[in-house]
PDB file of N, CA and C in Angstrom:
ATOM      1  N   MET A   1       5.285  27.320  -4.194  1.00  0.00           N
ATOM      2  CA  MET A   1       4.002  27.158  -3.563  1.00  0.00           C
ATOM      3  C   MET A   1       4.145  27.157  -2.051  1.00  0.00           C
ATOM      4  N   SER A   2       5.058  26.343  -1.527  1.00  0.00           N
ATOM      5  CA  SER A   2       5.202  26.273  -0.075  1.00  0.00           C
ATOM      6  C   SER A   2       5.713  27.592   0.493  1.00  0.00           C
ATOM      7  N   ALA A   3       6.546  28.321  -0.274  1.00  0.00           N
ATOM      8  CA  ALA A   3       7.049  29.606   0.209  1.00  0.00           C
ATOM      9  C   ALA A   3       5.898  30.588   0.406  1.00  0.00           C
ATOM     10  N   VAL A   4       4.925  30.561  -0.482  1.00  0.00           N
ATOM     11  CA  VAL A   4       3.770  31.441  -0.360  1.00  0.00           C
ATOM     12  C   VAL A   4       2.979  31.073   0.890  1.00  0.00           C
ATOM     13  N   LEU A   5       2.750  29.803   1.094  1.00  0.00           N
ATOM     14  CA  LEU A   5       1.982  29.363   2.263  1.00  0.00           C
ATOM     15  C   LEU A   5       2.701  29.693   3.562  1.00  0.00           C
ATOM     16  N   GLU A   6       4.033  29.600   3.546  1.00  0.00           N
ATOM     17  CA  GLU A   6       4.788  29.917   4.759  1.00  0.00           C
ATOM     18  C   GLU A   6       4.694  31.403   5.111  1.00  0.00           C
ATOM     19  N   ARG A   7       4.661  32.269   4.103  1.00  0.00           N
ATOM     20  CA  ARG A   7       4.617  33.706   4.349  1.00  0.00           C
ATOM     21  C   ARG A   7       3.207  34.219   4.602  1.00  0.00           C
ATOM     22  N   LEU A   8       2.237  33.431   4.247  1.00  0.00           N
ATOM     23  CA  LEU A   8       0.851  33.859   4.367  1.00  0.00           C
ATOM     24  C   LEU A   8       0.342  33.604   5.785  1.00  0.00           C
ATOM     25  N   PRO A   9       0.066  34.681   6.521  1.00  0.00           N
ATOM     26  CA  PRO A   9      -0.447  34.467   7.874  1.00  0.00           C
ATOM     27  C   PRO A   9      -1.876  33.936   7.804  1.00  0.00           C
ATOM     28  N   MET A  10      -2.150  32.907   8.567  1.00  0.00           N
ATOM     29  CA  MET A  10      -3.504  32.371   8.589  1.00  0.00           C
ATOM     30  C   MET A  10      -3.790  31.726   9.937  1.00  0.00           C
ATOM     31  N   SER A  11      -5.026  31.821  10.322  1.00  0.00           N
ATOM     32  CA  SER A  11      -5.441  31.214  11.585  1.00  0.00           C
ATOM     33  C   SER A  11      -5.588  29.709  11.398  1.00  0.00           C
ATOM     34  N   GLU A  12      -5.740  29.017  12.486  1.00  0.00           N
ATOM     35  CA  GLU A  12      -5.962  27.566  12.427  1.00  0.00           C
ATOM     36  C   GLU A  12      -7.240  27.245  11.660  1.00  0.00           C
ATOM     37  N   VAL A  13      -8.256  28.082  11.813  1.00  0.00           N
ATOM     38  CA  VAL A  13      -9.533  27.862  11.116  1.00  0.00           C
ATOM     39  C   VAL A  13      -9.330  27.942   9.608  1.00  0.00           C
ATOM     40  N   VAL A  14      -8.598  28.961   9.164  1.00  0.00           N
ATOM     41  CA  VAL A  14      -8.329  29.107   7.730  1.00  0.00           C
ATOM     42  C   VAL A  14      -7.475  27.945   7.234  1.00  0.00           C
ATOM     43  N   TYR A  15      -6.459  27.587   8.007  1.00  0.00           N
ATOM     44  CA  TYR A  15      -5.603  26.463   7.627  1.00  0.00           C
ATOM     45  C   TYR A  15      -6.431  25.192   7.503  1.00  0.00           C
ATOM     46  N   ASP A  16      -7.285  24.932   8.491  1.00  0.00           N
ATOM     47  CA  ASP A  16      -8.121  23.728   8.462  1.00  0.00           C
ATOM     48  C   ASP A  16      -9.046  23.719   7.244  1.00  0.00           C
ATOM     49  N   GLU A  17      -9.587  24.871   6.901  1.00  0.00           N
ATOM     50  CA  GLU A  17     -10.475  24.957   5.737  1.00  0.00           C
ATOM     51  C   GLU A  17      -9.686  24.716   4.453  1.00  0.00           C
ATOM     52  N   LEU A  18      -8.504  25.319   4.352  1.00  0.00           N
ATOM     53  CA  LEU A  18      -7.648  25.093   3.186  1.00  0.00           C
ATOM     54  C   LEU A  18      -7.295  23.609   3.075  1.00  0.00           C
ATOM     55  N   PHE A  19      -6.925  23.018   4.196  1.00  0.00           N
ATOM     56  CA  PHE A  19      -6.585  21.597   4.216  1.00  0.00           C
ATOM     57  C   PHE A  19      -7.774  20.756   3.755  1.00  0.00           C
ATOM     58  N   ALA A  20      -8.970  21.072   4.260  1.00  0.00           N
ATOM     59  CA  ALA A  20     -10.168  20.319   3.881  1.00  0.00           C
ATOM     60  C   ALA A  20     -10.435  20.432   2.389  1.00  0.00           C
ATOM     61  N   GLN A  21     -10.213  21.618   1.818  1.00  0.00           N
ATOM     62  CA  GLN A  21     -10.465  21.815   0.399  1.00  0.00           C
ATOM     63  C   GLN A  21      -9.423  21.100  -0.470  1.00  0.00           C
ATOM     64  N   VAL A  22      -8.218  20.997   0.019  1.00  0.00           N
ATOM     65  CA  VAL A  22      -7.150  20.374  -0.762  1.00  0.00           C
ATOM     66  C   VAL A  22      -7.211  18.858  -0.667  1.00  0.00           C
ATOM     67  N   VAL A  23      -7.478  18.334   0.504  1.00  0.00           N
ATOM     68  CA  VAL A  23      -7.403  16.898   0.719  1.00  0.00           C
ATOM     69  C   VAL A  23      -8.665  16.171   0.285  1.00  0.00           C
ATOM     70  N   LYS A  24      -9.811  16.717   0.587  1.00  0.00           N
ATOM     71  CA  LYS A  24     -11.066  16.030   0.292  1.00  0.00           C
ATOM     72  C   LYS A  24     -11.483  16.257  -1.156  1.00  0.00           C
ATOM     73  N   ALA A  25     -11.959  15.177  -1.786  1.00  0.00           N
ATOM     74  CA  ALA A  25     -12.457  15.291  -3.152  1.00  0.00           C
ATOM     75  C   ALA A  25     -13.666  16.217  -3.178  1.00  0.00           C
ATOM     76  N   GLN A  26     -13.785  16.958  -4.249  1.00  0.00           N
ATOM     77  CA  GLN A  26     -14.872  17.919  -4.388  1.00  0.00           C
ATOM     78  C   GLN A  26     -15.915  17.396  -5.367  1.00  0.00           C
ATOM     79  N   LYS A  27     -17.172  17.711  -5.093  1.00  0.00           N
ATOM     80  CA  LYS A  27     -18.252  17.286  -5.991  1.00  0.00           C
ATOM     81  C   LYS A  27     -18.300  18.157  -7.238  1.00  0.00           C
ATOM     82  N   ASN A  28     -17.939  19.414  -7.079  1.00  0.00           N
ATOM     83  CA  ASN A  28     -17.941  20.339  -8.196  1.00  0.00           C
ATOM     84  C   ASN A  28     -16.710  20.072  -9.072  1.00  0.00           C
ATOM     85  N   PRO A  29     -16.900  19.766 -10.358  1.00  0.00           N
ATOM     86  CA  PRO A  29     -15.756  19.439 -11.229  1.00  0.00           C
ATOM     87  C   PRO A  29     -14.716  20.554 -11.322  1.00  0.00           C
ATOM     88  N   VAL A  30     -15.147  21.800 -11.289  1.00  0.00           N
ATOM     89  CA  VAL A  30     -14.200  22.917 -11.352  1.00  0.00           C
ATOM     90  C   VAL A  30     -13.352  22.938 -10.086  1.00  0.00           C
ATOM     91  N   HIS A  31     -13.984  22.775  -8.941  1.00  0.00           N
ATOM     92  CA  HIS A  31     -13.245  22.738  -7.675  1.00  0.00           C
ATOM     93  C   HIS A  31     -12.315  21.533  -7.617  1.00  0.00           C
ATOM     94  N   GLU A  32     -12.772  20.403  -8.125  1.00  0.00           N
ATOM     95  CA  GLU A  32     -11.939  19.194  -8.128  1.00  0.00           C
ATOM     96  C   GLU A  32     -10.717  19.401  -9.009  1.00  0.00           C
ATOM     97  N   ALA A  33     -10.884  20.027 -10.159  1.00  0.00           N
ATOM     98  CA  ALA A  33      -9.743  20.301 -11.049  1.00  0.00           C
ATOM     99  C   ALA A  33      -8.734  21.217 -10.356  1.00  0.00           C
ATOM    100  N   ARG A  34      -9.226  22.231  -9.644  1.00  0.00           N
ATOM    101  CA  ARG A  34      -8.335  23.131  -8.909  1.00  0.00           C
ATOM    102  C   ARG A  34      -7.590  22.381  -7.812  1.00  0.00           C
ATOM    103  N   ARG A  35      -8.311  21.536  -7.110  1.00  0.00           N
ATOM    104  CA  ARG A  35      -7.708  20.746  -6.024  1.00  0.00           C
ATOM    105  C   ARG A  35      -6.589  19.862  -6.568  1.00  0.00           C
ATOM    106  N   GLN A  36      -6.863  19.194  -7.670  1.00  0.00           N
ATOM    107  CA  GLN A  36      -5.848  18.314  -8.250  1.00  0.00           C
ATOM    108  C   GLN A  36      -4.640  19.102  -8.746  1.00  0.00           C
ATOM    109  N   ARG A  37      -4.878  20.267  -9.346  1.00  0.00           N
ATOM    110  CA  ARG A  37      -3.765  21.111  -9.806  1.00  0.00           C
ATOM    111  C   ARG A  37      -2.906  21.557  -8.625  1.00  0.00           C
ATOM    112  N   LEU A  38      -3.551  21.945  -7.529  1.00  0.00           N
ATOM    113  CA  LEU A  38      -2.830  22.365  -6.327  1.00  0.00           C
ATOM    114  C   LEU A  38      -2.028  21.201  -5.742  1.00  0.00           C
ATOM    115  N   LEU A  39      -2.637  20.031  -5.673  1.00  0.00           N
ATOM    116  CA  LEU A  39      -1.924  18.862  -5.147  1.00  0.00           C
ATOM    117  C   LEU A  39      -0.714  18.510  -6.011  1.00  0.00           C
ATOM    118  N   ARG A  40      -0.878  18.551  -7.331  1.00  0.00           N
ATOM    119  CA  ARG A  40       0.250  18.270  -8.227  1.00  0.00           C
ATOM    120  C   ARG A  40       1.389  19.262  -8.001  1.00  0.00           C
ATOM    121  N   ALA A  41       1.027  20.539  -7.876  1.00  0.00           N
ATOM    122  CA  ALA A  41       2.044  21.570  -7.652  1.00  0.00           C
ATOM    123  C   ALA A  41       2.777  21.319  -6.340  1.00  0.00           C
ATOM    124  N   MET A  42       2.037  20.947  -5.310  1.00  0.00           N
ATOM    125  CA  MET A  42       2.663  20.682  -4.016  1.00  0.00           C
ATOM    126  C   MET A  42       3.578  19.458  -4.095  1.00  0.00           C
ATOM    127  N   LEU A  43       3.147  18.424  -4.791  1.00  0.00           N
ATOM    128  CA  LEU A  43       3.978  17.224  -4.923  1.00  0.00           C
ATOM    129  C   LEU A  43       5.212  17.486  -5.782  1.00  0.00           C
ATOM    130  N   ASP A  44       5.053  18.304  -6.815  1.00  0.00           N
ATOM    131  CA  ASP A  44       6.211  18.654  -7.651  1.00  0.00           C
ATOM    132  C   ASP A  44       7.243  19.440  -6.848  1.00  0.00           C
ATOM    133  N   ASP A  45       6.768  20.218  -5.886  1.00  0.00           N
ATOM    134  CA  ASP A  45       7.652  21.024  -5.049  1.00  0.00           C
ATOM    135  C   ASP A  45       8.339  20.193  -3.965  1.00  0.00           C
ATOM    136  N   ALA A  46       7.823  18.996  -3.721  1.00  0.00           N
ATOM    137  CA  ALA A  46       8.371  18.133  -2.660  1.00  0.00           C
ATOM    138  C   ALA A  46       8.526  16.709  -3.199  1.00  0.00           C
ATOM    139  N   PRO A  47       9.563  16.447  -4.006  1.00  0.00           N
ATOM    140  CA  PRO A  47       9.720  15.127  -4.625  1.00  0.00           C
ATOM    141  C   PRO A  47       9.830  13.982  -3.618  1.00  0.00           C
ATOM    142  N   ASN A  48      10.381  14.257  -2.427  1.00  0.00           N
ATOM    143  CA  ASN A  48      10.472  13.192  -1.427  1.00  0.00           C
ATOM    144  C   ASN A  48       9.081  12.767  -0.968  1.00  0.00           C
ATOM    145  N   VAL A  49       8.155  13.717  -0.879  1.00  0.00           N
ATOM    146  CA  VAL A  49       6.776  13.378  -0.501  1.00  0.00           C
ATOM    147  C   VAL A  49       6.128  12.566  -1.617  1.00  0.00           C
ATOM    148  N   ARG A  50       6.380  12.965  -2.863  1.00  0.00           N
ATOM    149  CA  ARG A  50       5.821  12.220  -3.999  1.00  0.00           C
ATOM    150  C   ARG A  50       6.271  10.760  -3.958  1.00  0.00           C
ATOM    151  N   SER A  51       7.553  10.521  -3.696  1.00  0.00           N
ATOM    152  CA  SER A  51       8.037   9.139  -3.663  1.00  0.00           C
ATOM    153  C   SER A  51       7.429   8.370  -2.494  1.00  0.00           C
ATOM    154  N   GLU A  52       7.214   9.050  -1.357  1.00  0.00           N
ATOM    155  CA  GLU A  52       6.550   8.391  -0.223  1.00  0.00           C
ATOM    156  C   GLU A  52       5.127   7.999  -0.589  1.00  0.00           C
ATOM    157  N   VAL A  53       4.415   8.898  -1.243  1.00  0.00           N
ATOM    158  CA  VAL A  53       3.032   8.634  -1.649  1.00  0.00           C
ATOM    159  C   VAL A  53       2.996   7.471  -2.633  1.00  0.00           C
ATOM    160  N   GLU A  54       3.914   7.489  -3.603  1.00  0.00           N
ATOM    161  CA  GLU A  54       3.958   6.409  -4.586  1.00  0.00           C
ATOM    162  C   GLU A  54       4.269   5.073  -3.928  1.00  0.00           C
ATOM    163  N   GLN A  55       5.200   5.058  -2.981  1.00  0.00           N
ATOM    164  CA  GLN A  55       5.550   3.816  -2.296  1.00  0.00           C
ATOM    165  C   GLN A  55       4.372   3.286  -1.486  1.00  0.00           C
ATOM    166  N   LYS A  56       3.653   4.189  -0.830  1.00  0.00           N
ATOM    167  CA  LYS A  56       2.469   3.754  -0.076  1.00  0.00           C
ATOM    168  C   LYS A  56       1.442   3.143  -1.007  1.00  0.00           C
ATOM    169  N   GLY A  57       1.299   3.717  -2.199  1.00  0.00           N
ATOM    170  CA  GLY A  57       0.375   3.163  -3.187  1.00  0.00           C
ATOM    171  C   GLY A  57       0.797   1.771  -3.617  1.00  0.00           C
ATOM    172  N   VAL A  58       2.094   1.595  -3.827  1.00  0.00           N
ATOM    173  CA  VAL A  58       2.623   0.278  -4.192  1.00  0.00           C
ATOM    174  C   VAL A  58       2.378  -0.703  -3.060  1.00  0.00           C
ATOM    175  N   ASP A  59       2.675  -0.263  -1.830  1.00  0.00           N
ATOM    176  CA  ASP A  59       2.475  -1.134  -0.669  1.00  0.00           C
ATOM    177  C   ASP A  59       1.010  -1.541  -0.523  1.00  0.00           C
ATOM    178  N   LYS A  60       0.108  -0.581  -0.702  1.00  0.00           N
ATOM    179  CA  LYS A  60      -1.318  -0.890  -0.582  1.00  0.00           C
ATOM    180  C   LYS A  60      -1.754  -1.844  -1.682  1.00  0.00           C
ATOM    181  N   GLY A  61      -1.267  -1.605  -2.895  1.00  0.00           N
ATOM    182  CA  GLY A  61      -1.616  -2.479  -4.011  1.00  0.00           C
ATOM    183  C   GLY A  61      -1.118  -3.892  -3.781  1.00  0.00           C
ATOM    184  N   LEU A  62       0.099  -4.000  -3.293  1.00  0.00           N
ATOM    185  CA  LEU A  62       0.668  -5.305  -3.002  1.00  0.00           C
ATOM    186  C   LEU A  62      -0.135  -6.009  -1.914  1.00  0.00           C
ATOM    187  N   GLU A  63      -0.486  -5.247  -0.885  1.00  0.00           N
ATOM    188  CA  GLU A  63      -1.260  -5.810   0.225  1.00  0.00           C
ATOM    189  C   GLU A  63      -2.621  -6.310  -0.262  1.00  0.00           C
ATOM    190  N   LYS A  64      -3.286  -5.523  -1.091  1.00  0.00           N
ATOM    191  CA  LYS A  64      -4.585  -5.930  -1.624  1.00  0.00           C
ATOM    192  C   LYS A  64      -4.445  -7.161  -2.522  1.00  0.00           C
ATOM    193  N   GLY A  65      -3.412  -7.164  -3.334  1.00  0.00           N
ATOM    194  CA  GLY A  65      -3.207  -8.289  -4.242  1.00  0.00           C
ATOM    195  C   GLY A  65      -2.889  -9.581  -3.511  1.00  0.00           C
ATOM    196  N   LEU A  66      -2.170  -9.477  -2.411  1.00  0.00           N
ATOM    197  CA  LEU A  66      -1.814 -10.661  -1.632  1.00  0.00           C
ATOM    198  C   LEU A  66      -2.934 -11.142  -0.710  1.00  0.00           C
ATOM    199  N   ALA A  67      -3.917 -10.297  -0.457  1.00  0.00           N
ATOM    200  CA  ALA A  67      -4.954 -10.607   0.535  1.00  0.00           C
ATOM    201  C   ALA A  67      -5.618 -11.970   0.327  1.00  0.00           C
ATOM    202  N   PRO A  68      -6.043 -12.336  -0.881  1.00  0.00           N
ATOM    203  CA  PRO A  68      -6.676 -13.655  -1.035  1.00  0.00           C
ATOM    204  C   PRO A  68      -5.712 -14.812  -0.734  1.00  0.00           C
ATOM    205  N   LEU A  69      -4.469 -14.664  -1.167  1.00  0.00           N
ATOM    206  CA  LEU A  69      -3.481 -15.702  -0.911  1.00  0.00           C
ATOM    207  C   LEU A  69      -3.167 -15.811   0.576  1.00  0.00           C
ATOM    208  N   VAL A  70      -3.002 -14.678   1.222  1.00  0.00           N
ATOM    209  CA  VAL A  70      -2.767 -14.655   2.675  1.00  0.00           C
ATOM    210  C   VAL A  70      -3.933 -15.329   3.387  1.00  0.00           C
ATOM    211  N   HIS A  71      -5.147 -15.016   2.955  1.00  0.00           N
ATOM    212  CA  HIS A  71      -6.338 -15.620   3.561  1.00  0.00           C
ATOM    213  C   HIS A  71      -6.299 -17.146   3.433  1.00  0.00           C
ATOM    214  N   GLN A  72      -5.936 -17.636   2.260  1.00  0.00           N
ATOM    215  CA  GLN A  72      -5.861 -19.088   2.055  1.00  0.00           C
ATOM    216  C   GLN A  72      -4.809 -19.721   2.958  1.00  0.00           C
ATOM    217  N   PHE A  73      -3.656 -19.084   3.051  1.00  0.00           N
ATOM    218  CA  PHE A  73      -2.604 -19.600   3.928  1.00  0.00           C
ATOM    219  C   PHE A  73      -3.073 -19.621   5.380  1.00  0.00           C
ATOM    220  N   GLU A  74      -3.698 -18.537   5.815  1.00  0.00           N
ATOM    221  CA  GLU A  74      -4.148 -18.460   7.207  1.00  0.00           C
ATOM    222  C   GLU A  74      -5.224 -19.494   7.507  1.00  0.00           C
ATOM    223  N   ARG A  75      -6.107 -19.724   6.581  1.00  0.00           N
ATOM    224  CA  ARG A  75      -7.135 -20.765   6.803  1.00  0.00           C
ATOM    225  C   ARG A  75      -6.507 -22.141   6.893  1.00  0.00           C
ATOM    226  N   LYS A  76      -5.576 -22.411   5.993  1.00  0.00           N
ATOM    227  CA  LYS A  76      -4.945 -23.733   5.968  1.00  0.00           C
ATOM    228  C   LYS A  76      -4.105 -23.942   7.227  1.00  0.00           C
ATOM    229  N   LEU A  77      -3.380 -22.909   7.650  1.00  0.00           N
ATOM    230  CA  LEU A  77      -2.499 -23.013   8.816  1.00  0.00           C
ATOM    231  C   LEU A  77      -3.246 -22.809  10.141  1.00  0.00           C
ATOM    232  N   ARG A  78      -4.449 -22.290  10.049  1.00  0.00           N
ATOM    233  CA  ARG A  78      -5.272 -21.991  11.240  1.00  0.00           C
ATOM    234  C   ARG A  78      -4.571 -21.005  12.181  1.00  0.00           C
ATOM    235  N   ARG A  79      -3.920 -20.002  11.576  1.00  0.00           N
ATOM    236  CA  ARG A  79      -3.265 -18.955  12.354  1.00  0.00           C
ATOM    237  C   ARG A  79      -3.032 -17.744  11.457  1.00  0.00           C
ATOM    238  N   THR A  80      -2.793 -16.625  12.082  1.00  0.00           N
ATOM    239  CA  THR A  80      -2.474 -15.401  11.353  1.00  0.00           C
ATOM    240  C   THR A  80      -1.021 -15.466  10.891  1.00  0.00           C
ATOM    241  N   LEU A  81      -0.785 -15.046   9.659  1.00  0.00           N
ATOM    242  CA  LEU A  81       0.588 -15.020   9.152  1.00  0.00           C
ATOM    243  C   LEU A  81       1.356 -13.882   9.812  1.00  0.00           C
ATOM    244  N   THR A  82       2.591 -14.154  10.114  1.00  0.00           N
ATOM    245  CA  THR A  82       3.472 -13.137  10.685  1.00  0.00           C
ATOM    246  C   THR A  82       3.997 -12.243   9.564  1.00  0.00           C
ATOM    247  N   ALA A  83       4.630 -11.153   9.945  1.00  0.00           N
ATOM    248  CA  ALA A  83       5.252 -10.270   8.951  1.00  0.00           C
ATOM    249  C   ALA A  83       6.315 -11.043   8.170  1.00  0.00           C
ATOM    250  N   GLN A  84       7.047 -11.904   8.861  1.00  0.00           N
ATOM    251  CA  GLN A  84       8.069 -12.724   8.195  1.00  0.00           C
ATOM    252  C   GLN A  84       7.422 -13.676   7.187  1.00  0.00           C
ATOM    253  N   ASP A  85       6.287 -14.279   7.557  1.00  0.00           N
ATOM    254  CA  ASP A  85       5.571 -15.168   6.634  1.00  0.00           C
ATOM    255  C   ASP A  85       5.166 -14.410   5.372  1.00  0.00           C
ATOM    256  N   ARG A  86       4.669 -13.201   5.556  1.00  0.00           N
ATOM    257  CA  ARG A  86       4.241 -12.389   4.405  1.00  0.00           C
ATOM    258  C   ARG A  86       5.429 -12.050   3.509  1.00  0.00           C
ATOM    259  N   GLN A  87       6.561 -11.728   4.115  1.00  0.00           N
ATOM    260  CA  GLN A  87       7.763 -11.449   3.327  1.00  0.00           C
ATOM    261  C   GLN A  87       8.187 -12.694   2.558  1.00  0.00           C
ATOM    262  N   THR A  88       8.088 -13.827   3.204  1.00  0.00           N
ATOM    263  CA  THR A  88       8.423 -15.092   2.541  1.00  0.00           C
ATOM    264  C   THR A  88       7.524 -15.314   1.333  1.00  0.00           C
ATOM    265  N   LEU A  89       6.234 -15.045   1.478  1.00  0.00           N
ATOM    266  CA  LEU A  89       5.309 -15.209   0.350  1.00  0.00           C
ATOM    267  C   LEU A  89       5.711 -14.317  -0.824  1.00  0.00           C
ATOM    268  N   VAL A  90       6.017 -13.064  -0.540  1.00  0.00           N
ATOM    269  CA  VAL A  90       6.411 -12.140  -1.606  1.00  0.00           C
ATOM    270  C   VAL A  90       7.674 -12.643  -2.295  1.00  0.00           C
ATOM    271  N   LYS A  91       8.651 -13.095  -1.514  1.00  0.00           N
ATOM    272  CA  LYS A  91       9.901 -13.613  -2.092  1.00  0.00           C
ATOM    273  C   LYS A  91       9.641 -14.865  -2.924  1.00  0.00           C
ATOM    274  N   ARG A  92       8.788 -15.749  -2.426  1.00  0.00           N
ATOM    275  CA  ARG A  92       8.485 -16.993  -3.165  1.00  0.00           C
ATOM    276  C   ARG A  92       7.747 -16.693  -4.462  1.00  0.00           C
ATOM    277  N   ILE A  93       6.854 -15.704  -4.432  1.00  0.00           N
ATOM    278  CA  ILE A  93       6.154 -15.329  -5.664  1.00  0.00           C
ATOM    279  C   ILE A  93       7.166 -14.851  -6.698  1.00  0.00           C
ATOM    280  N   ASP A  94       8.142 -14.054  -6.251  1.00  0.00           N
ATOM    281  CA  ASP A  94       9.194 -13.599  -7.167  1.00  0.00           C
ATOM    282  C   ASP A  94      10.054 -14.761  -7.651  1.00  0.00           C
ATOM    283  N   LEU A  95      10.316 -15.718  -6.764  1.00  0.00           N
ATOM    284  CA  LEU A  95      11.217 -16.829  -7.079  1.00  0.00           C
ATOM    285  C   LEU A  95      10.567 -17.896  -7.955  1.00  0.00           C
ATOM    286  N   VAL A  96       9.381 -18.366  -7.547  1.00  0.00           N
ATOM    287  CA  VAL A  96       8.772 -19.503  -8.251  1.00  0.00           C
ATOM    288  C   VAL A  96       7.497 -19.140  -9.007  1.00  0.00           C
ATOM    289  N   GLY A  97       6.998 -17.926  -8.808  1.00  0.00           N
ATOM    290  CA  GLY A  97       5.812 -17.479  -9.524  1.00  0.00           C
ATOM    291  C   GLY A  97       4.540 -17.643  -8.708  1.00  0.00           C
ATOM    292  N   PRO A  98       3.548 -16.821  -9.014  1.00  0.00           N
ATOM    293  CA  PRO A  98       2.302 -16.855  -8.255  1.00  0.00           C
ATOM    294  C   PRO A  98       1.516 -18.151  -8.418  1.00  0.00           C
ATOM    295  N   GLU A  99       1.611 -18.764  -9.593  1.00  0.00           N
ATOM    296  CA  GLU A  99       0.877 -20.015  -9.812  1.00  0.00           C
ATOM    297  C   GLU A  99       1.385 -21.110  -8.882  1.00  0.00           C
ATOM    298  N   ARG A 100       2.692 -21.212  -8.768  1.00  0.00           N
ATOM    299  CA  ARG A 100       3.289 -22.244  -7.901  1.00  0.00           C
ATOM    300  C   ARG A 100       2.905 -22.019  -6.442  1.00  0.00           C
ATOM    301  N   VAL A 101       2.943 -20.758  -5.992  1.00  0.00           N
ATOM    302  CA  VAL A 101       2.584 -20.463  -4.606  1.00  0.00           C
ATOM    303  C   VAL A 101       1.113 -20.796  -4.384  1.00  0.00           C
ATOM    304  N   GLY A 102       0.263 -20.483  -5.347  1.00  0.00           N
ATOM    305  CA  GLY A 102      -1.150 -20.840  -5.252  1.00  0.00           C
ATOM    306  C   GLY A 102      -1.355 -22.338  -5.202  1.00  0.00           C
ATOM    307  N   ASP A 103      -0.575 -23.088  -5.996  1.00  0.00           N
ATOM    308  CA  ASP A 103      -0.670 -24.548  -5.973  1.00  0.00           C
ATOM    309  C   ASP A 103      -0.233 -25.096  -4.618  1.00  0.00           C
ATOM    310  N   VAL A 104       0.816 -24.533  -4.064  1.00  0.00           N
ATOM    311  CA  VAL A 104       1.354 -25.005  -2.784  1.00  0.00           C
ATOM    312  C   VAL A 104       0.291 -24.915  -1.697  1.00  0.00           C
ATOM    313  N   VAL A 105      -0.381 -23.779  -1.619  1.00  0.00           N
ATOM    314  CA  VAL A 105      -1.376 -23.613  -0.551  1.00  0.00           C
ATOM    315  C   VAL A 105      -2.548 -24.578  -0.730  1.00  0.00           C
ATOM    316  N   LEU A 106      -2.849 -24.940  -1.966  1.00  0.00           N
ATOM    317  CA  LEU A 106      -3.966 -25.862  -2.207  1.00  0.00           C
ATOM    318  C   LEU A 106      -3.573 -27.331  -2.063  1.00  0.00           C
ATOM    319  N   GLU A 107      -2.339 -27.662  -2.426  1.00  0.00           N
ATOM    320  CA  GLU A 107      -1.937 -29.064  -2.488  1.00  0.00           C
ATOM    321  C   GLU A 107      -1.339 -29.616  -1.191  1.00  0.00           C
ATOM    322  N   LEU A 108      -0.666 -28.772  -0.409  1.00  0.00           N
ATOM    323  CA  LEU A 108       0.015 -29.269   0.777  1.00  0.00           C
ATOM    324  C   LEU A 108      -0.922 -29.326   1.983  1.00  0.00           C
ATOM    325  N   THR A 109      -0.610 -30.219   2.904  1.00  0.00           N
ATOM    326  CA  THR A 109      -1.340 -30.251   4.167  1.00  0.00           C
ATOM    327  C   THR A 109      -0.905 -29.044   4.999  1.00  0.00           C
ATOM    328  N   SER A 110      -1.600 -28.778   6.075  1.00  0.00           N
ATOM    329  CA  SER A 110      -1.231 -27.622   6.907  1.00  0.00           C
ATOM    330  C   SER A 110       0.177 -27.791   7.480  1.00  0.00           C
ATOM    331  N   GLU A 111       0.543 -29.017   7.853  1.00  0.00           N
ATOM    332  CA  GLU A 111       1.891 -29.259   8.386  1.00  0.00           C
ATOM    333  C   GLU A 111       2.949 -29.047   7.310  1.00  0.00           C
ATOM    334  N   GLN A 112       2.681 -29.556   6.097  1.00  0.00           N
ATOM    335  CA  GLN A 112       3.622 -29.380   4.994  1.00  0.00           C
ATOM    336  C   GLN A 112       3.743 -27.902   4.608  1.00  0.00           C
ATOM    337  N   LEU A 113       2.613 -27.207   4.663  1.00  0.00           N
ATOM    338  CA  LEU A 113       2.616 -25.786   4.323  1.00  0.00           C
ATOM    339  C   LEU A 113       3.440 -24.981   5.324  1.00  0.00           C
ATOM    340  N   ALA A 114       3.303 -25.298   6.600  1.00  0.00           N
ATOM    341  CA  ALA A 114       4.103 -24.622   7.627  1.00  0.00           C
ATOM    342  C   ALA A 114       5.588 -24.876   7.395  1.00  0.00           C
ATOM    343  N   ALA A 115       5.935 -26.108   7.054  1.00  0.00           N
ATOM    344  CA  ALA A 115       7.329 -26.448   6.778  1.00  0.00           C
ATOM    345  C   ALA A 115       7.829 -25.718   5.526  1.00  0.00           C
ATOM    346  N   TRP A 116       6.960 -25.600   4.518  1.00  0.00           N
ATOM    347  CA  TRP A 116       7.324 -24.903   3.284  1.00  0.00           C
ATOM    348  C   TRP A 116       7.642 -23.440   3.568  1.00  0.00           C
ATOM    349  N   LEU A 117       6.854 -22.819   4.445  1.00  0.00           N
ATOM    350  CA  LEU A 117       7.118 -21.428   4.818  1.00  0.00           C
ATOM    351  C   LEU A 117       8.425 -21.273   5.574  1.00  0.00           C
ATOM    352  N   GLU A 118       8.725 -22.244   6.413  1.00  0.00           N
ATOM    353  CA  GLU A 118       9.937 -22.190   7.249  1.00  0.00           C
ATOM    354  C   GLU A 118      11.217 -22.474   6.458  1.00  0.00           C
ATOM    355  N   ASN A 119      11.116 -23.323   5.437  1.00  0.00           N
ATOM    356  CA  ASN A 119      12.280 -23.763   4.675  1.00  0.00           C
ATOM    357  C   ASN A 119      12.693 -22.708   3.650  1.00  0.00           C
ATOM    358  N   ALA A 120      13.832 -22.112   3.853  1.00  0.00           N
ATOM    359  CA  ALA A 120      14.315 -21.058   2.955  1.00  0.00           C
ATOM    360  C   ALA A 120      14.613 -21.571   1.551  1.00  0.00           C
ATOM    361  N   ASP A 121      14.867 -22.865   1.393  1.00  0.00           N
ATOM    362  CA  ASP A 121      15.200 -23.429   0.084  1.00  0.00           C
ATOM    363  C   ASP A 121      14.005 -24.040  -0.637  1.00  0.00           C
ATOM    364  N   ALA A 122      12.825 -23.971  -0.028  1.00  0.00           N
ATOM    365  CA  ALA A 122      11.645 -24.588  -0.625  1.00  0.00           C
ATOM    366  C   ALA A 122      11.248 -23.858  -1.895  1.00  0.00           C
ATOM    367  N   SER A 123      10.683 -24.625  -2.823  1.00  0.00           N
ATOM    368  CA  SER A 123      10.211 -24.002  -4.075  1.00  0.00           C
ATOM    369  C   SER A 123       8.837 -24.509  -4.425  1.00  0.00           C
TER     370      SER A 123
END
């Protein structure tokens, strides 16, 4: 697929139109099916891109899933969580489970919660 596109001379206008048709969802079901088939073919031809796309999906899903918990922590601590704080939350969820992390944010005072985040051995 990419070899054909590389050999095919096209102006920027044609390229932009092709890009718009491939990237944007189509209202017409036939066009949408073609778009999805083309995207699959392109991803199959570039496995490294497929893995990047999949990882971004995982990252977005994780971010969305953590959002309510992050919000609770930030309200309790009265500050924005750092990237390190977020990594700590993910590690603690893996270590002690989501229920325990949820209990911690509800049960501890803001000072205790800050200490819990800082303490690498906390559970």
